Amino acid sequence: MVAVPFSREGQLLTLLLGGIAVAASAVAVVAAARAPLWTVGGTALWLALLSLIAAPGRLGLTRGRAAVIVIVAALAMRVASVYFVTGVALGADPMNYSNLAQALRDGRGLITDDWRYGRDLRAFFPPLYPLLLAGWWTLFGSSAWATLAMTTLTDALAARLLAGLGERLTGPLGRAAGLLYFAYPSFALAAAIPHKEALTLLLGIALLRVAVAWVAAPDDRLAALGGALWGLLALTQPSLALVPFALALVLIAERGWRATVRLGLVAGIALALVMSPWWLRNWLVFDRFVPFTTASGFMTNVALGRLGLPIDPALFALGEPDRAAAMGRAALARIAEQPIGFLRESGRALAVGFAYEEATLARYRHTSPPIAPALHTPLTALLQITYLTLLIPALRGAGRGGRLLRRLTLALLIAIPAAGLWFEFGERHRYLLTPLVMILAVGAAASARRPAGSIGAL
């Protein structure tokens, strides 16, 4: 990787990541003080894994042997998640996606009930993950082990793609980002719980790889593939449906308007083709166009935080799309009445979402009974420390990494919270940034340790 001057975009990216790192450090200090022994032990083990990933030669190991050790450790964390899930009833989104998958297996279609948002919901949740989960469970059963296998396979594919993306953006040493991804505790410890974020990350990383390949050699086939991935991403996590427009700004800066407009036209056709079955299905069910889901109005109300409105029981007499539209109008009226309060609540949600790394523990808390409550405090400290081990070296990479990597990271860092401002925002909603932060981190580590047997070809 060739060092580049410290540009304005590098300065802005360093400033933003630095602010996140400071906030995450404050959380880590508090969490570590509550579980000091666990923190020391967990941090030591994680740093040992990082050493195997970043510089196995310094430990007297070949790249292959180090990779095997890291993969075994990652698989052990994933198997532990099965132990945690056994004997509990799922709640929140894991329960909803499990119910949707089971309804599909029973022949009832995409339909579920939610204690807060109503009965017989047919388009409240995006369809792609429950469709894949239903297919997987039909083949292999609906056990925690089957879910573990599906999530681990998804993460392995994402890690493979990320290794290639890291190599394209930072050189051969950037391939270590893939191994780091597969071993990252926040992802590994959630593997046995049904959740769409693993699929979201796989599709997001694939889309980034296509974008980077297109920058190197514009091609209509890449544009079509990018549009198809865009559609699949929107069918998995609708809040990210507008994020590709931010990537388009990066592509304009790299390749100019003309080539990017052509890309957009081809990608738009592919997007429409991928989305059209969902649009047709919703038209047949609701007799109207529902582009993504019927959750948007309710999620805007969630974005109001402590200013959120109670759901009027009379809304449930309306059809699902009308109910969402009415809730959305009420939430927007609330924002118009209290714009400062909305900005305050949004700022609070963004600060918490970027400072904390506890989406996995949130899933643990939303089961009945809660999963391993005695371990929540030490796991909070461990997950927070591992988050910092990405952010701190990424700060160095932000100033010295490649231009395209900096621009992509900055675009997502701005676009994801900008979109999330109008919907629910938490740690899991900014997960798509994590792979790029990992590439920045391993790129910085590689440039510092290049002479001594770095892990160049994982």
Protein backbone atom coordinates (compact mmCIF):
# COMPACT_ATOMS: atom_id res chain seq x y z
CA MET A 1 0.00 0.00 0.00
CA VAL A 2 1.34 3.39 -1.00
CA ALA A 3 0.91 6.18 1.52
CA VAL A 4 -1.02 9.22 0.33
CA PRO A 5 -1.06 12.79 1.60
CA PHE A 6 -3.26 13.61 4.57
CA SER A 7 -6.22 14.97 2.57
CA ARG A 8 -9.29 16.85 3.71
CA GLU A 9 -11.38 13.69 3.48
CA GLY A 10 -8.74 11.92 5.56
CA GLN A 11 -8.93 14.69 8.14
CA LEU A 12 -12.72 14.52 8.29
CA LEU A 13 -12.73 10.73 8.50
CA THR A 14 -10.09 10.83 11.26
CA LEU A 15 -12.15 13.41 13.15
CA LEU A 16 -15.34 11.35 12.94
CA LEU A 17 -13.67 8.05 13.83
CA GLY A 18 -11.78 9.81 16.62
CA GLY A 19 -15.03 11.06 18.12
CA ILE A 20 -16.51 7.56 17.96
CA ALA A 21 -13.35 6.11 19.54
CA VAL A 22 -13.48 8.60 22.41
CA ALA A 23 -17.13 7.77 23.12
CA ALA A 24 -16.47 4.02 22.83
CA SER A 25 -13.47 4.37 25.16
CA ALA A 26 -15.61 6.00 27.83
CA VAL A 27 -18.07 3.11 27.64
CA ALA A 28 -15.20 0.60 27.74
CA VAL A 29 -13.69 2.16 30.88
CA VAL A 30 -17.00 1.93 32.72
CA ALA A 31 -17.62 -1.62 31.50
CA ALA A 32 -14.09 -2.77 32.40
CA ALA A 33 -14.39 -1.31 35.91
CA ARG A 34 -17.43 -3.52 36.51
CA ALA A 35 -15.65 -6.72 35.46
CA PRO A 36 -11.89 -6.14 35.75
CA LEU A 37 -10.72 -9.76 35.83
CA TRP A 38 -12.88 -10.78 32.89
CA THR A 39 -11.72 -7.71 31.01
CA VAL A 40 -8.04 -8.49 31.50
CA GLY A 41 -8.45 -12.15 30.55
CA GLY A 42 -10.74 -11.52 27.59
CA THR A 43 -8.58 -8.69 26.29
CA ALA A 44 -5.45 -10.84 26.51
CA LEU A 45 -7.09 -13.63 24.51
CA TRP A 46 -8.40 -11.23 21.89
CA LEU A 47 -5.03 -9.50 21.51
CA ALA A 48 -3.45 -12.91 21.05
CA LEU A 49 -5.90 -13.63 18.22
CA LEU A 50 -5.15 -10.23 16.70
CA SER A 51 -1.44 -11.03 16.77
CA LEU A 52 -2.13 -14.27 14.93
CA ILE A 53 -4.13 -12.36 12.33
CA ALA A 54 -1.80 -9.39 11.86
CA ALA A 55 1.71 -10.78 12.39
CA PRO A 56 1.97 -14.57 12.80
CA GLY A 57 5.63 -14.49 11.80
CA ARG A 58 6.47 -12.66 15.02
CA LEU A 59 4.98 -15.59 16.92
CA GLY A 60 6.96 -18.14 14.95
CA LEU A 61 3.94 -19.43 13.02
CA THR A 62 3.21 -19.74 9.34
CA ARG A 63 0.23 -17.89 7.92
CA GLY A 64 -1.67 -21.13 7.40
CA ARG A 65 -1.22 -22.41 10.94
CA ALA A 66 -2.15 -19.04 12.41
CA ALA A 67 -5.30 -18.97 10.27
CA VAL A 68 -6.31 -22.44 11.50
CA ILE A 69 -5.94 -21.37 15.14
CA VAL A 70 -8.01 -18.22 14.57
CA ILE A 71 -10.73 -20.12 12.71
CA VAL A 72 -10.94 -22.74 15.48
CA ALA A 73 -11.27 -19.98 18.09
CA ALA A 74 -13.98 -18.31 16.00
CA LEU A 75 -15.87 -21.58 15.63
CA ALA A 76 -15.62 -22.15 19.40
CA MET A 77 -17.31 -18.79 20.03
CA ARG A 78 -20.01 -19.68 17.55
CA VAL A 79 -20.64 -23.07 19.15
CA ALA A 80 -20.88 -21.30 22.53
CA SER A 81 -23.76 -19.28 21.13
CA VAL A 82 -25.73 -22.52 20.71
CA TYR A 83 -25.27 -23.22 24.41
CA PHE A 84 -26.56 -19.75 25.23
CA VAL A 85 -29.66 -20.09 23.04
CA THR A 86 -30.66 -23.57 24.23
CA GLY A 87 -33.74 -23.57 26.44
CA VAL A 88 -34.86 -19.97 25.89
CA ALA A 89 -37.73 -18.40 23.96
CA LEU A 90 -36.63 -15.82 21.43
CA GLY A 91 -37.97 -12.26 21.48
CA ALA A 92 -37.99 -9.10 19.33
CA ASP A 93 -36.71 -9.49 15.75
CA PRO A 94 -35.25 -13.01 16.15
CA MET A 95 -38.71 -14.18 17.22
CA ASN A 96 -40.43 -12.31 14.37
CA TYR A 97 -38.13 -13.71 11.69
CA SER A 98 -38.45 -17.20 13.15
CA ASN A 99 -42.24 -16.87 13.07
CA LEU A 100 -42.17 -15.65 9.47
CA ALA A 101 -39.97 -18.57 8.44
CA GLN A 102 -42.24 -21.05 10.21
CA ALA A 103 -45.33 -19.52 8.60
CA LEU A 104 -43.71 -20.02 5.18
CA ARG A 105 -42.93 -23.63 6.04
CA ASP A 106 -46.54 -24.13 7.13
CA GLY A 107 -47.81 -22.79 3.82
CA ARG A 108 -49.32 -19.61 5.28
CA GLY A 109 -46.98 -17.22 3.47
CA LEU A 110 -45.12 -14.23 4.88
CA ILE A 111 -47.35 -13.44 7.83
CA THR A 112 -46.77 -12.91 11.54
CA ASP A 113 -48.16 -11.22 14.64
CA ASP A 114 -46.43 -8.60 16.75
CA TRP A 115 -47.58 -7.64 20.23
CA ARG A 116 -47.04 -3.95 19.49
CA TYR A 117 -47.65 -3.50 15.77
CA GLY A 118 -50.63 -5.77 15.16
CA ARG A 119 -51.82 -9.14 13.93
CA ASP A 120 -51.52 -10.76 10.51
CA LEU A 121 -48.66 -8.52 9.39
CA ARG A 122 -47.83 -9.34 5.77
CA ALA A 123 -45.26 -6.72 4.75
CA PHE A 124 -44.03 -5.24 8.01
CA PHE A 125 -40.70 -7.07 7.78
CA PRO A 126 -38.42 -7.34 4.74
CA PRO A 127 -38.81 -10.70 3.01
CA LEU A 128 -35.41 -12.00 1.91
CA TYR A 129 -34.01 -13.26 5.22
CA PRO A 130 -37.15 -15.15 6.35
CA LEU A 131 -37.41 -16.71 2.87
CA LEU A 132 -33.84 -17.99 3.08
CA LEU A 133 -34.29 -19.06 6.71
CA ALA A 134 -37.44 -21.01 5.82
CA GLY A 135 -35.64 -22.78 2.99
CA TRP A 136 -32.68 -23.62 5.19
CA TRP A 137 -34.87 -24.92 8.01
CA THR A 138 -36.86 -27.02 5.55
CA LEU A 139 -33.64 -28.72 4.45
CA PHE A 140 -31.87 -29.01 7.81
CA GLY A 141 -34.46 -28.52 10.55
CA SER A 142 -35.17 -25.50 12.74
CA SER A 143 -32.70 -26.21 15.54
CA ALA A 144 -30.16 -23.77 16.94
CA TRP A 145 -27.46 -25.89 15.27
CA ALA A 146 -29.09 -25.40 11.87
CA THR A 147 -29.28 -21.64 12.46
CA LEU A 148 -25.64 -21.67 13.56
CA ALA A 149 -24.62 -23.44 10.35
CA MET A 150 -26.52 -20.96 8.17
CA THR A 151 -25.11 -17.89 9.93
CA THR A 152 -21.57 -19.30 9.97
CA LEU A 153 -21.75 -20.09 6.26
CA THR A 154 -23.04 -16.57 5.59
CA ASP A 155 -20.24 -15.06 7.66
CA ALA A 156 -17.64 -17.25 5.96
CA LEU A 157 -18.79 -16.06 2.53
CA ALA A 158 -18.75 -12.46 3.74
CA ALA A 159 -15.24 -12.95 5.17
CA ARG A 160 -14.03 -14.37 1.85
CA LEU A 161 -15.45 -11.38 -0.02
CA LEU A 162 -14.01 -8.98 2.53
CA ALA A 163 -10.56 -10.54 2.13
CA GLY A 164 -10.73 -9.80 -1.57
CA LEU A 165 -12.04 -6.29 -0.95
CA GLY A 166 -9.23 -5.62 1.51
CA GLU A 167 -6.67 -6.79 -1.03
CA ARG A 168 -8.09 -4.52 -3.72
CA LEU A 169 -8.15 -1.48 -1.44
CA THR A 170 -4.89 -1.88 0.53
CA GLY A 171 -2.84 -4.59 -1.18
CA PRO A 172 -2.24 -8.27 -0.27
CA LEU A 173 -1.92 -7.57 3.44
CA GLY A 174 -5.50 -6.31 3.46
CA ARG A 175 -6.74 -9.89 3.10
CA ALA A 176 -6.36 -10.24 6.86
CA ALA A 177 -9.60 -8.26 7.22
CA GLY A 178 -11.53 -11.38 6.20
CA LEU A 179 -10.10 -13.46 9.02
CA LEU A 180 -10.68 -10.61 11.46
CA TYR A 181 -14.32 -10.46 10.36
CA PHE A 182 -14.92 -14.18 10.89
CA ALA A 183 -13.41 -14.06 14.40
CA TYR A 184 -15.03 -10.80 15.53
CA PRO A 185 -16.87 -11.66 18.80
CA SER A 186 -19.93 -9.47 18.13
CA PHE A 187 -20.65 -11.52 15.03
CA ALA A 188 -19.50 -14.92 16.30
CA LEU A 189 -21.49 -14.87 19.56
CA ALA A 190 -24.75 -14.14 17.72
CA ALA A 191 -24.40 -16.99 15.25
CA ALA A 192 -27.07 -19.30 16.70
CA ILE A 193 -29.73 -16.58 16.92
CA PRO A 194 -31.82 -15.88 13.80
CA HIS A 195 -30.97 -12.36 12.61
CA LYS A 196 -30.76 -10.64 9.26
CA GLU A 197 -27.61 -8.61 9.93
CA ALA A 198 -25.26 -11.38 8.75
CA LEU A 199 -27.05 -11.47 5.40
CA THR A 200 -27.11 -7.66 5.27
CA LEU A 201 -23.34 -7.57 5.72
CA LEU A 202 -22.75 -10.26 3.09
CA LEU A 203 -24.77 -8.32 0.52
CA GLY A 204 -23.23 -4.99 1.55
CA ILE A 205 -19.68 -6.30 1.25
CA ALA A 206 -20.52 -7.85 -2.12
CA LEU A 207 -21.91 -4.51 -3.30
CA LEU A 208 -18.74 -2.72 -2.17
CA ARG A 209 -16.59 -5.25 -4.03
CA VAL A 210 -18.57 -4.67 -7.20
CA ALA A 211 -18.26 -0.89 -6.78
CA VAL A 212 -14.49 -1.12 -6.35
CA ALA A 213 -14.17 -3.45 -9.34
CA TRP A 214 -16.26 -1.03 -11.44
CA VAL A 215 -13.98 1.88 -10.49
CA ALA A 216 -11.03 -0.13 -11.78
CA ALA A 217 -12.80 -1.13 -15.01
CA PRO A 218 -16.32 0.21 -15.71
CA ASP A 219 -18.50 -2.51 -17.20
CA ASP A 220 -22.25 -2.89 -17.70
CA ARG A 221 -22.16 -6.41 -16.31
CA LEU A 222 -20.74 -5.10 -13.06
CA ALA A 223 -23.40 -2.39 -13.08
CA ALA A 224 -26.14 -5.01 -13.48
CA LEU A 225 -24.66 -7.13 -10.71
CA GLY A 226 -24.46 -4.08 -8.47
CA GLY A 227 -28.11 -3.28 -9.15
CA ALA A 228 -29.15 -6.83 -8.34
CA LEU A 229 -27.19 -6.71 -5.06
CA TRP A 230 -28.77 -3.33 -4.31
CA GLY A 231 -32.21 -4.88 -4.70
CA LEU A 232 -31.35 -7.84 -2.48
CA LEU A 233 -29.96 -5.47 0.13
CA ALA A 234 -33.18 -3.43 0.07
CA LEU A 235 -35.18 -6.65 0.51
CA THR A 236 -33.07 -7.46 3.58
CA GLN A 237 -32.50 -4.10 5.29
CA PRO A 238 -34.70 -1.36 3.75
CA SER A 239 -33.05 1.39 5.81
CA LEU A 240 -29.94 0.88 3.65
CA ALA A 241 -31.83 1.17 0.35
CA LEU A 242 -30.71 4.77 -0.18
CA VAL A 243 -27.08 4.24 0.85
CA PRO A 244 -25.95 3.30 -2.71
CA PHE A 245 -26.67 6.91 -3.71
CA ALA A 246 -23.87 7.95 -1.34
CA LEU A 247 -21.61 5.39 -3.01
CA ALA A 248 -22.57 6.93 -6.35
CA LEU A 249 -21.05 10.24 -5.21
CA VAL A 250 -17.78 8.42 -4.61
CA LEU A 251 -17.99 6.83 -8.04
CA ILE A 252 -18.61 10.22 -9.64
CA ALA A 253 -15.50 11.55 -7.93
CA GLU A 254 -13.51 8.55 -9.17
CA ARG A 255 -14.90 8.07 -12.69
CA GLY A 256 -16.94 11.16 -13.57
CA TRP A 257 -20.60 11.88 -14.21
CA ARG A 258 -21.00 10.23 -17.58
CA ALA A 259 -19.81 6.77 -16.60
CA THR A 260 -21.69 6.90 -13.29
CA VAL A 261 -24.99 7.90 -14.93
CA ARG A 262 -24.63 4.93 -17.28
CA LEU A 263 -23.93 2.74 -14.25
CA GLY A 264 -27.05 4.09 -12.54
CA LEU A 265 -29.29 3.38 -15.53
CA VAL A 266 -28.14 -0.22 -15.83
CA ALA A 267 -28.18 -0.77 -12.07
CA GLY A 268 -31.66 0.75 -11.82
CA ILE A 269 -33.05 -1.75 -14.32
CA ALA A 270 -31.49 -4.66 -12.41
CA LEU A 271 -32.80 -3.23 -9.13
CA ALA A 272 -36.35 -3.04 -10.53
CA LEU A 273 -36.17 -6.62 -11.82
CA VAL A 274 -35.05 -7.94 -8.43
CA MET A 275 -37.64 -5.91 -6.52
CA SER A 276 -40.56 -6.57 -8.90
CA PRO A 277 -41.74 -9.89 -7.38
CA TRP A 278 -42.05 -8.17 -3.99
CA TRP A 279 -43.85 -5.21 -5.54
CA LEU A 280 -46.25 -7.48 -7.42
CA ARG A 281 -46.93 -9.58 -4.35
CA ASN A 282 -47.69 -6.48 -2.26
CA TRP A 283 -49.98 -5.11 -4.97
CA LEU A 284 -51.93 -8.37 -5.00
CA VAL A 285 -52.16 -8.42 -1.18
CA PHE A 286 -52.88 -4.73 -0.51
CA ASP A 287 -54.12 -3.47 -3.89
CA ARG A 288 -51.49 -0.72 -3.78
CA PHE A 289 -47.79 -0.13 -4.31
CA VAL A 290 -45.67 -0.90 -1.23
CA PRO A 291 -42.00 -0.44 -2.28
CA PHE A 292 -40.26 -1.78 0.83
CA THR A 293 -42.26 -2.53 3.99
CA THR A 294 -45.20 -1.16 5.96
CA ALA A 295 -42.98 -0.45 8.96
CA SER A 296 -41.66 2.96 7.93
CA GLY A 297 -44.28 5.08 9.69
CA PHE A 298 -43.85 3.20 12.94
CA MET A 299 -40.06 3.37 12.67
CA THR A 300 -40.22 7.15 12.24
CA ASN A 301 -42.12 7.21 15.50
CA VAL A 302 -39.40 5.06 17.07
CA ALA A 303 -36.84 7.62 15.85
CA LEU A 304 -38.57 10.18 18.07
CA GLY A 305 -37.23 8.32 21.10
CA ARG A 306 -38.66 9.73 24.29
CA LEU A 307 -40.90 12.02 22.22
CA GLY A 308 -42.52 9.03 20.51
CA LEU A 309 -46.30 8.92 20.31
CA PRO A 310 -48.39 6.12 21.80
CA ILE A 311 -49.99 3.98 19.14
CA ASP A 312 -53.68 4.82 18.89
CA PRO A 313 -55.70 1.56 19.18
CA ALA A 314 -58.02 2.91 16.48
CA LEU A 315 -55.17 2.50 13.98
CA PHE A 316 -55.56 -1.26 14.11
CA ALA A 317 -58.96 -0.96 12.45
CA LEU A 318 -57.13 0.23 9.34
CA GLY A 319 -55.39 -1.91 6.78
CA GLU A 320 -51.68 -2.48 7.20
CA PRO A 321 -50.45 0.18 4.70
CA ASP A 322 -53.01 2.76 5.89
CA ARG A 323 -52.02 2.13 9.49
CA ALA A 324 -48.36 2.74 8.70
CA ALA A 325 -49.15 5.88 6.69
CA ALA A 326 -51.28 7.34 9.50
CA MET A 327 -48.56 6.63 12.05
CA GLY A 328 -45.98 8.21 9.78
CA ARG A 329 -48.05 11.38 9.35
CA ALA A 330 -48.50 11.66 13.10
CA ALA A 331 -44.76 11.17 13.69
CA LEU A 332 -43.83 13.78 11.08
CA ALA A 333 -46.28 16.22 12.64
CA ARG A 334 -44.59 15.60 15.98
CA ILE A 335 -41.21 16.34 14.40
CA ALA A 336 -42.60 19.59 12.93
CA GLU A 337 -43.89 20.57 16.38
CA GLN A 338 -40.66 19.76 18.21
CA PRO A 339 -37.74 19.93 15.75
CA ILE A 340 -35.17 20.66 18.45
CA GLY A 341 -36.40 17.76 20.52
CA PHE A 342 -36.25 15.50 17.48
CA LEU A 343 -32.66 16.53 16.76
CA ARG A 344 -31.78 15.96 20.41
CA GLU A 345 -33.29 12.46 20.41
CA SER A 346 -31.67 11.66 17.07
CA GLY A 347 -28.28 12.84 18.32
CA ARG A 348 -28.67 10.70 21.40
CA ALA A 349 -29.56 7.63 19.32
CA LEU A 350 -26.59 8.19 17.00
CA ALA A 351 -24.19 8.68 19.91
CA VAL A 352 -25.35 5.50 21.63
CA GLY A 353 -25.43 3.54 18.36
CA PHE A 354 -21.85 4.43 17.51
CA ALA A 355 -20.41 4.32 21.04
CA TYR A 356 -21.74 0.92 22.11
CA GLU A 357 -21.01 -2.51 20.69
CA GLU A 358 -23.76 -4.55 22.30
CA ALA A 359 -26.25 -5.57 19.64
CA THR A 360 -25.48 -9.21 20.43
CA LEU A 361 -26.19 -8.67 24.11
CA ALA A 362 -29.45 -6.91 23.23
CA ARG A 363 -30.52 -10.12 21.50
CA TYR A 364 -29.50 -12.04 24.62
CA ARG A 365 -31.63 -9.76 26.81
CA HIS A 366 -34.72 -10.11 24.63
CA THR A 367 -35.18 -13.82 25.27
CA SER A 368 -37.25 -15.51 27.98
CA PRO A 369 -35.46 -16.04 30.25
CA PRO A 370 -32.61 -13.68 29.31
CA ILE A 371 -29.56 -15.53 28.01
CA ALA A 372 -26.68 -15.85 30.50
CA PRO A 373 -27.54 -12.72 32.53
CA ALA A 374 -24.51 -13.27 34.80
CA LEU A 375 -22.25 -12.92 31.75
CA HIS A 376 -23.75 -9.70 30.42
CA THR A 377 -21.40 -7.44 32.38
CA PRO A 378 -18.15 -9.19 31.38
CA LEU A 379 -19.36 -9.66 27.81
CA THR A 380 -20.17 -5.95 27.60
CA ALA A 381 -16.56 -5.19 28.56
CA LEU A 382 -15.16 -7.76 26.10
CA LEU A 383 -17.26 -6.59 23.14
CA GLN A 384 -16.44 -2.97 23.88
CA ILE A 385 -12.69 -3.67 24.05
CA THR A 386 -12.76 -5.58 20.76
CA TYR A 387 -14.60 -2.64 19.18
CA LEU A 388 -11.84 -0.31 20.33
CA THR A 389 -9.17 -2.56 18.84
CA LEU A 390 -10.77 -1.80 15.47
CA LEU A 391 -11.30 1.91 15.96
CA ILE A 392 -7.88 2.87 17.30
CA PRO A 393 -5.75 1.45 14.46
CA ALA A 394 -8.43 2.54 11.97
CA LEU A 395 -7.70 6.12 13.04
CA ARG A 396 -4.18 5.74 11.67
CA GLY A 397 -5.46 4.07 8.54
CA ALA A 398 -7.96 6.90 7.98
CA GLY A 399 -5.16 9.38 7.47
CA ARG A 400 -2.81 7.17 5.51
CA GLY A 401 -5.00 4.67 3.67
CA GLY A 402 -5.88 4.67 0.02
CA ARG A 403 -8.11 7.41 -1.34
CA LEU A 404 -10.93 5.11 -2.48
CA LEU A 405 -11.05 3.34 0.90
CA ARG A 406 -11.23 6.67 2.71
CA ARG A 407 -13.97 7.94 0.43
CA LEU A 408 -16.10 4.80 0.72
CA THR A 409 -15.79 4.75 4.51
CA LEU A 410 -16.61 8.44 4.80
CA ALA A 411 -19.61 8.11 2.47
CA LEU A 412 -21.08 5.28 4.55
CA LEU A 413 -20.23 6.98 7.83
CA ILE A 414 -22.31 9.98 6.75
CA ALA A 415 -25.06 8.25 4.75
CA ILE A 416 -26.02 5.48 7.19
CA PRO A 417 -26.82 7.77 10.14
CA ALA A 418 -28.41 10.32 7.78
CA ALA A 419 -30.88 7.65 6.66
CA GLY A 420 -31.20 6.22 10.16
CA LEU A 421 -32.14 9.66 11.46
CA TRP A 422 -35.70 9.04 10.22
CA PHE A 423 -35.96 5.46 11.41
CA GLU A 424 -34.82 3.31 14.28
CA PHE A 425 -31.02 3.53 14.73
CA GLY A 426 -28.81 1.31 16.86
CA GLU A 427 -25.49 -0.49 16.76
CA ARG A 428 -26.70 -3.12 14.29
CA HIS A 429 -27.79 -0.43 11.82
CA ARG A 430 -24.21 0.83 11.40
CA TYR A 431 -22.72 -2.66 11.03
CA LEU A 432 -22.05 -2.12 7.32
CA LEU A 433 -19.29 0.29 8.35
CA THR A 434 -17.49 -2.40 10.33
CA PRO A 435 -15.90 -4.22 7.34
CA LEU A 436 -14.38 -0.97 6.05
CA VAL A 437 -13.16 -0.08 9.53
CA MET A 438 -11.55 -3.52 9.66
CA ILE A 439 -9.76 -2.87 6.36
CA LEU A 440 -8.52 0.48 7.67
CA ALA A 441 -7.31 -1.22 10.85
CA VAL A 442 -5.44 -4.08 9.18
CA GLY A 443 -4.05 -1.68 6.60
CA ALA A 444 -2.60 0.48 9.38
CA ALA A 445 -1.23 -2.58 11.18
CA ALA A 446 0.27 -3.91 7.95
CA SER A 447 2.04 -0.66 7.15
CA ALA A 448 3.53 -0.63 10.64
CA ARG A 449 4.62 -4.30 10.59
CA ARG A 450 5.28 -4.93 6.90
CA PRO A 451 8.88 -6.12 7.30
CA ALA A 452 8.07 -8.93 9.71
CA GLY A 453 6.04 -11.78 8.24
CA SER A 454 2.62 -10.27 8.03
CA ILE A 455 -0.32 -12.38 7.05
CA GLY A 456 -0.33 -11.53 3.40
CA ALA A 457 -2.43 -14.25 1.79
CA LEU A 458 -5.18 -15.43 4.06
